[in-house]
Amino acid sequence: MPEFEIIATRDGSPTIHSQRFGATYHSLHGAVVESMHVFINAGLNCFGHLKKIKIFELGFGTGLNALLTLDFGLSLDQEIEYTAIDLHPLPETVFLGLEYPQLDTNRISGKDFQSLHTCPWNQNVQITTNFSLTKIADDWLSCQLEPNQYDLFYLDAFGPTCQPELWSEDSMMKAHRILAKGGILVSYCAQGQFRRNLKSAGFRVEKLQGPPGKREMTRAFT
């Protein structure tokens, strides 16, 4: 069985099943629908009034969240500095097989999606005039990051049963530390222990309605 398998989700958009982690990168109820609901509508949309925003993503994965963020920023003429960390980047043979044709608009295209993946790691790259990307190939818990620098944190790692260390109190303390005052963390995860870890780390936590297939999701504030 291959390590990665591209499969279709219910909204027609693809996701990937990881044999290593025994999990999919997105909800089978709809990859694009889930990402839009959790990260764009419940997260980035809160900062629509800003002309410039800095975002950190834990788990670059398929690059879908970055692509949707790029599109949303262009719709508002918003400048976005996007940083993502992933210890296990997808190989080229896998991400080249991903297509999101329903996202081909007058603002973004498949070429933009490829650029997100093919640009070099560990350096800042200007993808469009409004969107810069820094992909970090490193371990989230041990990498060194400056405090108080990000407005929004996308927590999109595999779930707590697959990668418990990324949802721990120590991990959430680090997330809190790199967020600026008034920063927001959003995640599809609604696990009780995860929310308790967020509170212990100093976040104010709220429950929101989840995307299709999930009753709840989490949003937290510094």
Protein backbone atom coordinates (compact mmCIF):
# COMPACT_ATOMS: atom_id res chain seq x y z
CA MET A 1 0.00 0.00 0.00
CA PRO A 2 1.41 3.45 -0.92
CA GLU A 3 2.30 5.89 1.86
CA PHE A 4 0.02 8.54 0.36
CA GLU A 5 -3.26 8.07 -1.48
CA ILE A 6 -5.23 10.90 -3.10
CA ILE A 7 -8.96 10.47 -2.53
CA ALA A 8 -12.02 12.57 -3.37
CA THR A 9 -14.13 14.16 -0.64
CA ARG A 10 -17.85 14.83 -0.76
CA ASP A 11 -17.56 18.37 -2.11
CA GLY A 12 -15.51 17.08 -5.04
CA SER A 13 -12.17 18.39 -3.77
CA PRO A 14 -9.28 16.00 -3.09
CA THR A 15 -7.50 15.13 0.10
CA ILE A 16 -4.73 12.71 0.97
CA HIS A 17 -4.77 9.65 3.18
CA SER A 18 -1.52 9.10 5.07
CA GLN A 19 -0.70 5.47 5.66
CA ARG A 20 1.93 6.51 8.21
CA PHE A 21 -0.53 8.36 10.43
CA GLY A 22 -3.65 6.43 9.47
CA ALA A 23 -5.53 9.67 8.82
CA THR A 24 -6.64 12.02 6.06
CA TYR A 25 -5.38 15.58 5.68
CA HIS A 26 -8.95 16.92 5.46
CA SER A 27 -12.48 15.88 6.27
CA LEU A 28 -14.00 13.35 3.91
CA HIS A 29 -17.18 15.46 4.12
CA GLY A 30 -15.40 18.09 2.01
CA ALA A 31 -11.81 19.35 2.03
CA VAL A 32 -12.53 22.84 0.70
CA VAL A 33 -15.75 23.17 2.72
CA GLU A 34 -13.93 22.28 5.94
CA SER A 35 -10.99 24.63 5.33
CA MET A 36 -13.27 27.51 4.40
CA HIS A 37 -15.47 27.00 7.46
CA VAL A 38 -12.69 26.59 10.02
CA PHE A 39 -9.78 28.69 8.86
CA ILE A 40 -11.22 31.36 6.56
CA ASN A 41 -14.71 32.06 7.90
CA ALA A 42 -13.96 31.53 11.61
CA GLY A 43 -10.37 32.78 11.48
CA LEU A 44 -9.16 35.05 8.69
CA ASN A 45 -12.55 36.71 8.31
CA CYS A 46 -12.08 38.20 11.80
CA PHE A 47 -9.21 40.29 10.43
CA GLY A 48 -10.86 41.56 7.27
CA HIS A 49 -10.45 45.13 8.55
CA LEU A 50 -6.65 44.90 8.58
CA LYS A 51 -4.58 45.85 5.54
CA LYS A 52 -1.76 43.54 6.66
CA ILE A 53 -1.88 40.30 8.64
CA LYS A 54 0.67 37.69 9.73
CA ILE A 55 -0.48 34.08 9.85
CA PHE A 56 1.20 30.95 11.22
CA GLU A 57 0.06 27.47 10.20
CA LEU A 58 1.00 24.31 12.08
CA GLY A 59 0.78 21.64 9.38
CA PHE A 60 1.24 22.95 5.81
CA GLY A 61 0.07 19.61 4.40
CA THR A 62 -1.68 19.91 1.04
CA GLY A 63 -1.32 23.70 0.96
CA LEU A 64 -5.09 24.12 0.71
CA ASN A 65 -5.35 26.51 3.65
CA ALA A 66 -2.60 28.68 2.18
CA LEU A 67 -4.34 28.72 -1.20
CA LEU A 68 -7.69 29.73 0.27
CA THR A 69 -5.96 32.39 2.36
CA LEU A 70 -4.22 33.75 -0.73
CA ASP A 71 -7.57 34.00 -2.52
CA PHE A 72 -9.32 35.67 0.42
CA GLY A 73 -6.52 38.19 0.82
CA LEU A 74 -6.67 39.10 -2.85
CA SER A 75 -10.43 39.64 -2.62
CA LEU A 76 -9.80 42.27 0.08
CA ASP A 77 -6.54 43.63 -1.32
CA GLN A 78 -5.01 42.50 1.96
CA GLU A 79 -1.27 41.96 2.44
CA ILE A 80 -0.56 38.58 4.03
CA GLU A 81 2.67 37.21 5.47
CA TYR A 82 2.12 33.46 5.76
CA THR A 83 4.42 31.13 7.66
CA ALA A 84 3.86 27.38 7.82
CA ILE A 85 5.79 24.61 9.55
CA ASP A 86 5.75 20.96 8.58
CA LEU A 87 8.22 18.29 9.61
CA HIS A 88 6.95 15.90 6.93
CA PRO A 89 6.39 17.86 3.67
CA LEU A 90 4.57 16.05 0.89
CA PRO A 91 6.79 14.70 -1.89
CA GLU A 92 6.48 16.29 -5.32
CA THR A 93 4.96 13.15 -6.81
CA VAL A 94 2.03 13.56 -4.42
CA PHE A 95 1.27 17.29 -4.45
CA LEU A 96 1.50 17.41 -8.25
CA GLY A 97 -1.48 15.06 -8.30
CA LEU A 98 -3.68 17.45 -6.34
CA GLU A 99 -6.09 19.66 -8.26
CA TYR A 100 -8.67 22.13 -6.98
CA PRO A 101 -10.43 23.14 -10.23
CA GLN A 102 -13.36 24.72 -8.38
CA LEU A 103 -10.90 27.29 -7.02
CA ASP A 104 -9.77 28.53 -10.43
CA THR A 105 -11.10 32.09 -10.29
CA ASN A 106 -10.12 35.44 -11.68
CA ARG A 107 -7.86 35.76 -8.61
CA ILE A 108 -6.10 32.38 -8.30
CA SER A 109 -5.33 29.39 -10.48
CA GLY A 110 -3.64 26.03 -10.44
CA LYS A 111 -0.37 27.83 -11.15
CA ASP A 112 -0.61 29.65 -7.82
CA PHE A 113 -1.22 26.34 -6.05
CA GLN A 114 1.86 24.80 -7.65
CA SER A 115 3.92 27.84 -6.64
CA LEU A 116 3.01 27.31 -3.00
CA HIS A 117 4.46 23.81 -3.15
CA THR A 118 7.43 24.25 -5.46
CA CYS A 119 8.88 27.39 -3.86
CA PRO A 120 11.94 26.71 -1.68
CA TRP A 121 11.64 25.76 1.96
CA ASN A 122 13.20 27.77 4.81
CA GLN A 123 13.18 31.09 2.99
CA ASN A 124 10.66 33.84 2.40
CA VAL A 125 9.15 33.81 -1.09
CA GLN A 126 6.84 36.41 -2.65
CA ILE A 127 4.08 34.36 -4.30
CA THR A 128 2.01 37.37 -5.41
CA THR A 129 2.34 41.09 -4.74
CA ASN A 130 0.05 40.64 -1.70
CA PHE A 131 1.13 37.22 -0.40
CA SER A 132 4.50 36.03 0.89
CA LEU A 133 5.20 32.52 2.11
CA THR A 134 7.81 31.04 4.42
CA LYS A 135 7.71 27.25 4.74
CA ILE A 136 9.71 25.84 7.65
CA ALA A 137 10.82 22.22 7.51
CA ASP A 138 11.39 21.68 11.21
CA ASP A 139 9.94 20.34 14.44
CA TRP A 140 7.32 22.72 15.82
CA LEU A 141 8.15 22.05 19.48
CA SER A 142 11.89 22.64 19.17
CA CYS A 143 12.14 25.37 16.52
CA GLN A 144 12.93 28.92 17.61
CA LEU A 145 10.32 31.58 16.83
CA GLU A 146 10.06 35.20 17.86
CA PRO A 147 7.26 35.98 20.37
CA ASN A 148 4.23 38.21 19.78
CA GLN A 149 4.54 38.33 16.00
CA TYR A 150 1.49 36.58 14.51
CA ASP A 151 -2.15 37.66 14.37
CA LEU A 152 -3.70 34.32 13.47
CA PHE A 153 -2.73 30.69 14.12
CA TYR A 154 -4.08 27.83 12.00
CA LEU A 155 -3.81 24.58 13.96
CA ASP A 156 -4.28 21.95 11.28
CA ALA A 157 -2.04 19.08 12.32
CA PHE A 158 -3.29 15.50 12.40
CA GLY A 159 -5.58 14.98 15.39
CA PRO A 160 -4.59 14.37 19.01
CA THR A 161 -4.75 10.59 18.65
CA CYS A 162 -2.17 10.75 15.83
CA GLN A 163 0.11 13.53 17.03
CA PRO A 164 -0.70 14.16 20.72
CA GLU A 165 2.43 16.25 21.29
CA LEU A 166 1.16 18.94 18.91
CA TRP A 167 -2.01 19.42 20.96
CA SER A 168 -0.36 19.36 24.39
CA GLU A 169 -0.23 22.16 26.94
CA ASP A 170 3.41 22.86 26.02
CA SER A 171 2.45 23.18 22.37
CA MET A 172 -0.40 25.54 23.16
CA MET A 173 1.85 27.64 25.39
CA LYS A 174 4.19 28.07 22.43
CA ALA A 175 1.27 29.01 20.18
CA HIS A 176 0.15 31.60 22.73
CA ARG A 177 3.68 32.96 22.98
CA ILE A 178 4.11 33.65 19.26
CA LEU A 179 0.68 35.26 18.87
CA ALA A 180 0.33 38.99 19.35
CA LYS A 181 -2.13 40.51 21.79
CA GLY A 182 -5.60 40.08 20.34
CA GLY A 183 -4.45 37.08 18.31
CA ILE A 184 -6.71 34.18 17.40
CA LEU A 185 -6.16 30.43 17.09
CA VAL A 186 -8.59 28.29 15.09
CA SER A 187 -8.80 24.53 14.69
CA TYR A 188 -11.19 21.88 13.48
CA CYS A 189 -10.49 19.95 16.70
CA ALA A 190 -13.06 20.05 19.51
CA GLN A 191 -11.46 17.57 21.93
CA GLY A 192 -12.04 18.40 25.60
CA GLN A 193 -8.40 17.90 26.66
CA PHE A 194 -7.21 20.11 23.83
CA ARG A 195 -9.50 22.90 25.01
CA ARG A 196 -8.30 22.47 28.59
CA ASN A 197 -4.72 22.75 27.35
CA LEU A 198 -5.59 25.97 25.54
CA LYS A 199 -7.07 27.43 28.73
CA SER A 200 -4.03 26.37 30.77
CA ALA A 201 -1.83 28.11 28.22
CA GLY A 202 -3.72 31.39 28.73
CA PHE A 203 -6.23 31.34 25.88
CA ARG A 204 -9.88 32.30 26.17
CA VAL A 205 -11.69 29.48 24.40
CA GLU A 206 -15.02 29.32 22.63
CA LYS A 207 -16.94 26.58 20.86
CA LEU A 208 -18.29 27.18 17.38
CA GLN A 209 -20.44 25.09 15.10
CA GLY A 210 -18.23 22.69 13.20
CA PRO A 211 -18.02 22.07 9.46
CA PRO A 212 -20.09 19.29 7.86
CA GLY A 213 -19.54 16.04 9.73
CA LYS A 214 -18.39 17.73 12.96
CA ARG A 215 -20.64 19.11 15.66
CA GLU A 216 -18.13 21.67 16.97
CA MET A 217 -14.80 23.38 16.26
CA THR A 218 -12.56 25.58 18.42
CA ARG A 219 -11.59 29.24 18.37
CA ALA A 220 -9.33 30.73 21.03
CA PHE A 221 -8.12 34.25 21.83
CA THR A 222 -4.97 35.54 23.49
